[in-house]
Amino acid sequence: MRTNVILIGMPGSGKSTCGVVAAKLMLKNFFDTDLLIQNIEGASLQDIIDNRGNDYFQEAEEKAILSLDIQGTVIATGGSVVYSQKAMEHLKSLGKIIFLNIDYEHMLSRISNLSTRGVLIKNGETLKDMFDERLPLYEKWADDVINCNDNTVQQTAEAIAAKLQI
């Protein structure tokens, strides 16, 4: 069986950007679950959140994840995927989960388009609240962790590839 690598982490951690490069290094396919959600729903992530609400978005994300049946792929997930136990159990069954870890300050410096990016922030919460709530969930589900604060895209991609060799 060709193993999948599933990338989880905060917005701006490099799941999509580094995932593409890692897939090329490992001779794997690349799949972005955010794009799957947009395709299924016929709307951008931000439009789904703005017009249908957080609960609907989370249900759509879970449904999209549960539909995955792929092998030999680097899978970049949305940052909010860790809110769904079912989705995370399914991802765990598909391969190795790697947490691309960045601290709060690095996340802030990497996200410039928060209002259009499709980041799920619960009503009344700040970005810091979201960060603090998600961090233990990423740690819980991760098979491995890569600290990406000062990494280039290439360095993170190579670290992802190295984790799979172990």
C-alpha atoms as a PDB file:
ATOM      1  CA  MET A   1       0.000   0.000   0.000  1.00  0.00           C
ATOM      2  CA  ARG A   2       1.244   3.467  -0.877  1.00  0.00           C
ATOM      3  CA  THR A   3       1.133   5.523   2.308  1.00  0.00           C
ATOM      4  CA  ASN A   4      -0.533   8.910   2.534  1.00  0.00           C
ATOM      5  CA  VAL A   5       0.902  11.841   4.426  1.00  0.00           C
ATOM      6  CA  ILE A   6      -1.723  14.085   6.016  1.00  0.00           C
ATOM      7  CA  LEU A   7      -0.718  17.621   6.955  1.00  0.00           C
ATOM      8  CA  ILE A   8      -2.500  19.438   9.775  1.00  0.00           C
ATOM      9  CA  GLY A   9      -1.738  22.796  11.333  1.00  0.00           C
ATOM     10  CA  MET A  10      -2.663  26.414  11.835  1.00  0.00           C
ATOM     11  CA  PRO A  11      -3.579  28.726   8.974  1.00  0.00           C
ATOM     12  CA  GLY A  12      -0.310  29.870   7.431  1.00  0.00           C
ATOM     13  CA  SER A  13       1.702  26.858   8.598  1.00  0.00           C
ATOM     14  CA  GLY A  14       2.415  25.780   5.018  1.00  0.00           C
ATOM     15  CA  LYS A  15       0.145  22.765   4.607  1.00  0.00           C
ATOM     16  CA  SER A  16      -0.760  23.544   0.986  1.00  0.00           C
ATOM     17  CA  THR A  17       2.406  25.336  -0.101  1.00  0.00           C
ATOM     18  CA  CYS A  18       4.877  22.905   1.448  1.00  0.00           C
ATOM     19  CA  GLY A  19       2.628  19.930   0.727  1.00  0.00           C
ATOM     20  CA  VAL A  20       2.931  20.421  -3.045  1.00  0.00           C
ATOM     21  CA  VAL A  21       6.730  20.581  -2.840  1.00  0.00           C
ATOM     22  CA  ALA A  22       6.868  17.572  -0.483  1.00  0.00           C
ATOM     23  CA  ALA A  23       4.662  15.568  -2.861  1.00  0.00           C
ATOM     24  CA  LYS A  24       7.090  16.254  -5.695  1.00  0.00           C
ATOM     25  CA  LEU A  25      10.048  15.214  -3.531  1.00  0.00           C
ATOM     26  CA  MET A  26       8.345  11.963  -2.507  1.00  0.00           C
ATOM     27  CA  LEU A  27       6.893  11.190  -5.943  1.00  0.00           C
ATOM     28  CA  LYS A  28       3.368  11.335  -4.537  1.00  0.00           C
ATOM     29  CA  ASN A  29       0.137  12.986  -5.591  1.00  0.00           C
ATOM     30  CA  PHE A  30      -1.043  16.136  -3.838  1.00  0.00           C
ATOM     31  CA  PHE A  31      -4.580  16.775  -2.632  1.00  0.00           C
ATOM     32  CA  ASP A  32      -5.970  19.858  -0.868  1.00  0.00           C
ATOM     33  CA  THR A  33      -9.184  19.240   1.073  1.00  0.00           C
ATOM     34  CA  ASP A  34     -10.067  22.968   1.053  1.00  0.00           C
ATOM     35  CA  LEU A  35     -10.311  22.768  -2.747  1.00  0.00           C
ATOM     36  CA  LEU A  36     -12.500  19.666  -2.438  1.00  0.00           C
ATOM     37  CA  ILE A  37     -14.905  21.531  -0.134  1.00  0.00           C
ATOM     38  CA  GLN A  38     -15.056  24.495  -2.531  1.00  0.00           C
ATOM     39  CA  ASN A  39     -15.704  22.159  -5.465  1.00  0.00           C
ATOM     40  CA  ILE A  40     -18.482  20.241  -3.684  1.00  0.00           C
ATOM     41  CA  GLU A  41     -20.135  23.392  -2.344  1.00  0.00           C
ATOM     42  CA  GLY A  42     -19.624  25.567  -5.432  1.00  0.00           C
ATOM     43  CA  ALA A  43     -18.410  28.435  -3.281  1.00  0.00           C
ATOM     44  CA  SER A  44     -15.226  29.730  -1.684  1.00  0.00           C
ATOM     45  CA  LEU A  45     -14.504  28.755   1.912  1.00  0.00           C
ATOM     46  CA  GLN A  46     -15.097  32.348   3.017  1.00  0.00           C
ATOM     47  CA  ASP A  47     -18.449  32.491   1.191  1.00  0.00           C
ATOM     48  CA  ILE A  48     -19.530  29.243   2.845  1.00  0.00           C
ATOM     49  CA  ILE A  49     -18.636  30.607   6.294  1.00  0.00           C
ATOM     50  CA  ASP A  50     -20.178  34.051   5.643  1.00  0.00           C
ATOM     51  CA  ASN A  51     -23.398  32.880   3.996  1.00  0.00           C
ATOM     52  CA  ARG A  52     -24.088  29.458   5.508  1.00  0.00           C
ATOM     53  CA  GLY A  53     -22.389  29.721   8.887  1.00  0.00           C
ATOM     54  CA  ASN A  54     -19.695  27.952  10.880  1.00  0.00           C
ATOM     55  CA  ASP A  55     -21.769  24.862  11.680  1.00  0.00           C
ATOM     56  CA  TYR A  56     -22.600  24.288   8.017  1.00  0.00           C
ATOM     57  CA  PHE A  57     -18.955  24.757   7.082  1.00  0.00           C
ATOM     58  CA  GLN A  58     -17.815  22.205   9.658  1.00  0.00           C
ATOM     59  CA  GLU A  59     -20.403  19.685   8.410  1.00  0.00           C
ATOM     60  CA  ALA A  60     -19.284  20.260   4.801  1.00  0.00           C
ATOM     61  CA  GLU A  61     -15.647  19.815   5.813  1.00  0.00           C
ATOM     62  CA  GLU A  62     -16.371  16.581   7.675  1.00  0.00           C
ATOM     63  CA  LYS A  63     -18.408  15.208   4.763  1.00  0.00           C
ATOM     64  CA  ALA A  64     -15.630  16.046   2.296  1.00  0.00           C
ATOM     65  CA  ILE A  65     -12.954  14.391   4.466  1.00  0.00           C
ATOM     66  CA  LEU A  66     -15.049  11.265   4.975  1.00  0.00           C
ATOM     67  CA  SER A  67     -15.372  10.937   1.181  1.00  0.00           C
ATOM     68  CA  LEU A  68     -11.597  10.583   0.739  1.00  0.00           C
ATOM     69  CA  ASP A  69     -10.385   7.219  -0.497  1.00  0.00           C
ATOM     70  CA  ILE A  70      -6.907   7.816  -1.898  1.00  0.00           C
ATOM     71  CA  GLN A  71      -3.403   6.363  -1.665  1.00  0.00           C
ATOM     72  CA  GLY A  72       0.112   7.623  -2.297  1.00  0.00           C
ATOM     73  CA  THR A  73      -0.874  11.215  -1.656  1.00  0.00           C
ATOM     74  CA  VAL A  74       0.178  14.211   0.404  1.00  0.00           C
ATOM     75  CA  ILE A  75      -3.094  15.566   1.780  1.00  0.00           C
ATOM     76  CA  ALA A  76      -3.281  19.179   2.953  1.00  0.00           C
ATOM     77  CA  THR A  77      -6.223  19.711   5.287  1.00  0.00           C
ATOM     78  CA  GLY A  78      -8.015  22.832   6.405  1.00  0.00           C
ATOM     79  CA  GLY A  79      -6.953  24.139   9.793  1.00  0.00           C
ATOM     80  CA  SER A  80     -10.358  23.433  11.328  1.00  0.00           C
ATOM     81  CA  VAL A  81     -10.429  19.724  10.438  1.00  0.00           C
ATOM     82  CA  VAL A  82      -9.304  18.842  13.980  1.00  0.00           C
ATOM     83  CA  TYR A  83     -12.717  19.906  15.324  1.00  0.00           C
ATOM     84  CA  SER A  84     -14.221  16.709  13.851  1.00  0.00           C
ATOM     85  CA  GLN A  85     -13.443  13.455  15.631  1.00  0.00           C
ATOM     86  CA  LYS A  86     -14.912  11.446  12.715  1.00  0.00           C
ATOM     87  CA  ALA A  87     -12.839  13.293  10.112  1.00  0.00           C
ATOM     88  CA  MET A  88      -9.628  12.896  12.102  1.00  0.00           C
ATOM     89  CA  GLU A  89     -10.224   9.185  12.712  1.00  0.00           C
ATOM     90  CA  HIS A  90     -10.757   8.743   8.966  1.00  0.00           C
ATOM     91  CA  LEU A  91      -7.573  10.671   8.141  1.00  0.00           C
ATOM     92  CA  LYS A  92      -5.655   8.596  10.706  1.00  0.00           C
ATOM     93  CA  SER A  93      -6.838   5.452   8.919  1.00  0.00           C
ATOM     94  CA  LEU A  94      -5.515   6.826   5.619  1.00  0.00           C
ATOM     95  CA  GLY A  95      -1.913   7.493   6.659  1.00  0.00           C
ATOM     96  CA  LYS A  96       0.580   9.346   8.790  1.00  0.00           C
ATOM     97  CA  ILE A  97      -0.534  12.690  10.258  1.00  0.00           C
ATOM     98  CA  ILE A  98       2.137  15.373  10.475  1.00  0.00           C
ATOM     99  CA  PHE A  99       1.517  18.571  12.423  1.00  0.00           C
ATOM    100  CA  LEU A 100       3.214  21.599  10.851  1.00  0.00           C
ATOM    101  CA  ASN A 101       3.703  23.650  13.991  1.00  0.00           C
ATOM    102  CA  ILE A 102       4.162  27.421  14.053  1.00  0.00           C
ATOM    103  CA  ASP A 103       3.819  29.792  16.975  1.00  0.00           C
ATOM    104  CA  TYR A 104       1.179  32.515  17.170  1.00  0.00           C
ATOM    105  CA  GLU A 105       3.486  35.331  16.063  1.00  0.00           C
ATOM    106  CA  HIS A 106       4.606  33.419  12.960  1.00  0.00           C
ATOM    107  CA  MET A 107       0.991  32.622  12.120  1.00  0.00           C
ATOM    108  CA  LEU A 108       0.112  36.317  12.299  1.00  0.00           C
ATOM    109  CA  SER A 109       3.050  37.269  10.097  1.00  0.00           C
ATOM    110  CA  ARG A 110       2.086  34.670   7.454  1.00  0.00           C
ATOM    111  CA  ILE A 111      -1.636  35.463   7.197  1.00  0.00           C
ATOM    112  CA  SER A 112      -2.352  38.693   5.375  1.00  0.00           C
ATOM    113  CA  ASN A 113      -5.761  37.869   3.915  1.00  0.00           C
ATOM    114  CA  LEU A 114      -7.729  36.809   6.988  1.00  0.00           C
ATOM    115  CA  SER A 115     -11.013  38.354   5.809  1.00  0.00           C
ATOM    116  CA  THR A 116     -11.012  36.332   2.576  1.00  0.00           C
ATOM    117  CA  ARG A 117      -8.981  33.241   3.506  1.00  0.00           C
ATOM    118  CA  GLY A 118     -11.787  31.109   4.887  1.00  0.00           C
ATOM    119  CA  VAL A 119     -10.451  30.702   8.418  1.00  0.00           C
ATOM    120  CA  LEU A 120     -13.078  29.281  10.754  1.00  0.00           C
ATOM    121  CA  ILE A 121     -13.214  31.466  13.856  1.00  0.00           C
ATOM    122  CA  LYS A 122     -16.120  30.885  16.190  1.00  0.00           C
ATOM    123  CA  ASN A 123     -18.402  33.831  16.940  1.00  0.00           C
ATOM    124  CA  GLY A 124     -16.963  36.034  19.646  1.00  0.00           C
ATOM    125  CA  GLU A 125     -13.521  34.427  19.451  1.00  0.00           C
ATOM    126  CA  THR A 126     -10.291  36.146  18.581  1.00  0.00           C
ATOM    127  CA  LEU A 127      -7.568  34.701  16.392  1.00  0.00           C
ATOM    128  CA  LYS A 128      -5.590  34.024  19.589  1.00  0.00           C
ATOM    129  CA  ASP A 129      -8.568  32.135  21.045  1.00  0.00           C
ATOM    130  CA  MET A 130      -8.694  29.991  17.898  1.00  0.00           C
ATOM    131  CA  PHE A 131      -4.953  29.340  18.119  1.00  0.00           C
ATOM    132  CA  ASP A 132      -5.158  28.330  21.787  1.00  0.00           C
ATOM    133  CA  GLU A 133      -8.166  26.075  21.172  1.00  0.00           C
ATOM    134  CA  ARG A 134      -6.673  24.243  18.173  1.00  0.00           C
ATOM    135  CA  LEU A 135      -3.101  23.709  19.414  1.00  0.00           C
ATOM    136  CA  PRO A 136      -3.887  20.802  21.786  1.00  0.00           C
ATOM    137  CA  LEU A 137      -6.083  19.203  19.094  1.00  0.00           C
ATOM    138  CA  TYR A 138      -3.224  19.243  16.565  1.00  0.00           C
ATOM    139  CA  GLU A 139      -0.914  17.772  19.190  1.00  0.00           C
ATOM    140  CA  LYS A 140      -3.476  15.072  20.038  1.00  0.00           C
ATOM    141  CA  TRP A 141      -3.840  13.829  16.459  1.00  0.00           C
ATOM    142  CA  ALA A 142      -0.259  14.188  15.237  1.00  0.00           C
ATOM    143  CA  ASP A 143       1.881  11.140  14.580  1.00  0.00           C
ATOM    144  CA  ASP A 144       4.801  13.521  14.151  1.00  0.00           C
ATOM    145  CA  VAL A 145       5.527  17.246  14.483  1.00  0.00           C
ATOM    146  CA  ILE A 146       7.658  19.589  12.400  1.00  0.00           C
ATOM    147  CA  ASN A 147       8.464  22.987  13.863  1.00  0.00           C
ATOM    148  CA  CYS A 148       8.207  25.334  10.886  1.00  0.00           C
ATOM    149  CA  ASN A 149       8.666  28.805  12.397  1.00  0.00           C
ATOM    150  CA  ASP A 150      11.862  29.737  10.584  1.00  0.00           C
ATOM    151  CA  ASN A 151      11.798  27.145   7.797  1.00  0.00           C
ATOM    152  CA  THR A 152      11.715  27.917   4.112  1.00  0.00           C
ATOM    153  CA  VAL A 153       9.144  26.054   2.026  1.00  0.00           C
ATOM    154  CA  GLN A 154      11.915  23.741   0.817  1.00  0.00           C
ATOM    155  CA  GLN A 155      13.145  23.011   4.359  1.00  0.00           C
ATOM    156  CA  THR A 156       9.644  22.109   5.538  1.00  0.00           C
ATOM    157  CA  ALA A 157       9.009  19.968   2.435  1.00  0.00           C
ATOM    158  CA  GLU A 158      12.274  18.098   3.008  1.00  0.00           C
ATOM    159  CA  ALA A 159      11.373  17.590   6.685  1.00  0.00           C
ATOM    160  CA  ILE A 160       8.002  16.139   5.643  1.00  0.00           C
ATOM    161  CA  ALA A 161       9.723  13.748   3.245  1.00  0.00           C
ATOM    162  CA  ALA A 162      12.239  12.771   5.928  1.00  0.00           C
ATOM    163  CA  LYS A 163       9.449  11.948   8.405  1.00  0.00           C
ATOM    164  CA  LEU A 164       8.015   9.459   5.961  1.00  0.00           C
ATOM    165  CA  GLN A 165      11.340   7.646   5.621  1.00  0.00           C
ATOM    166  CA  ILE A 166      11.518   6.979   9.351  1.00  0.00           C
END
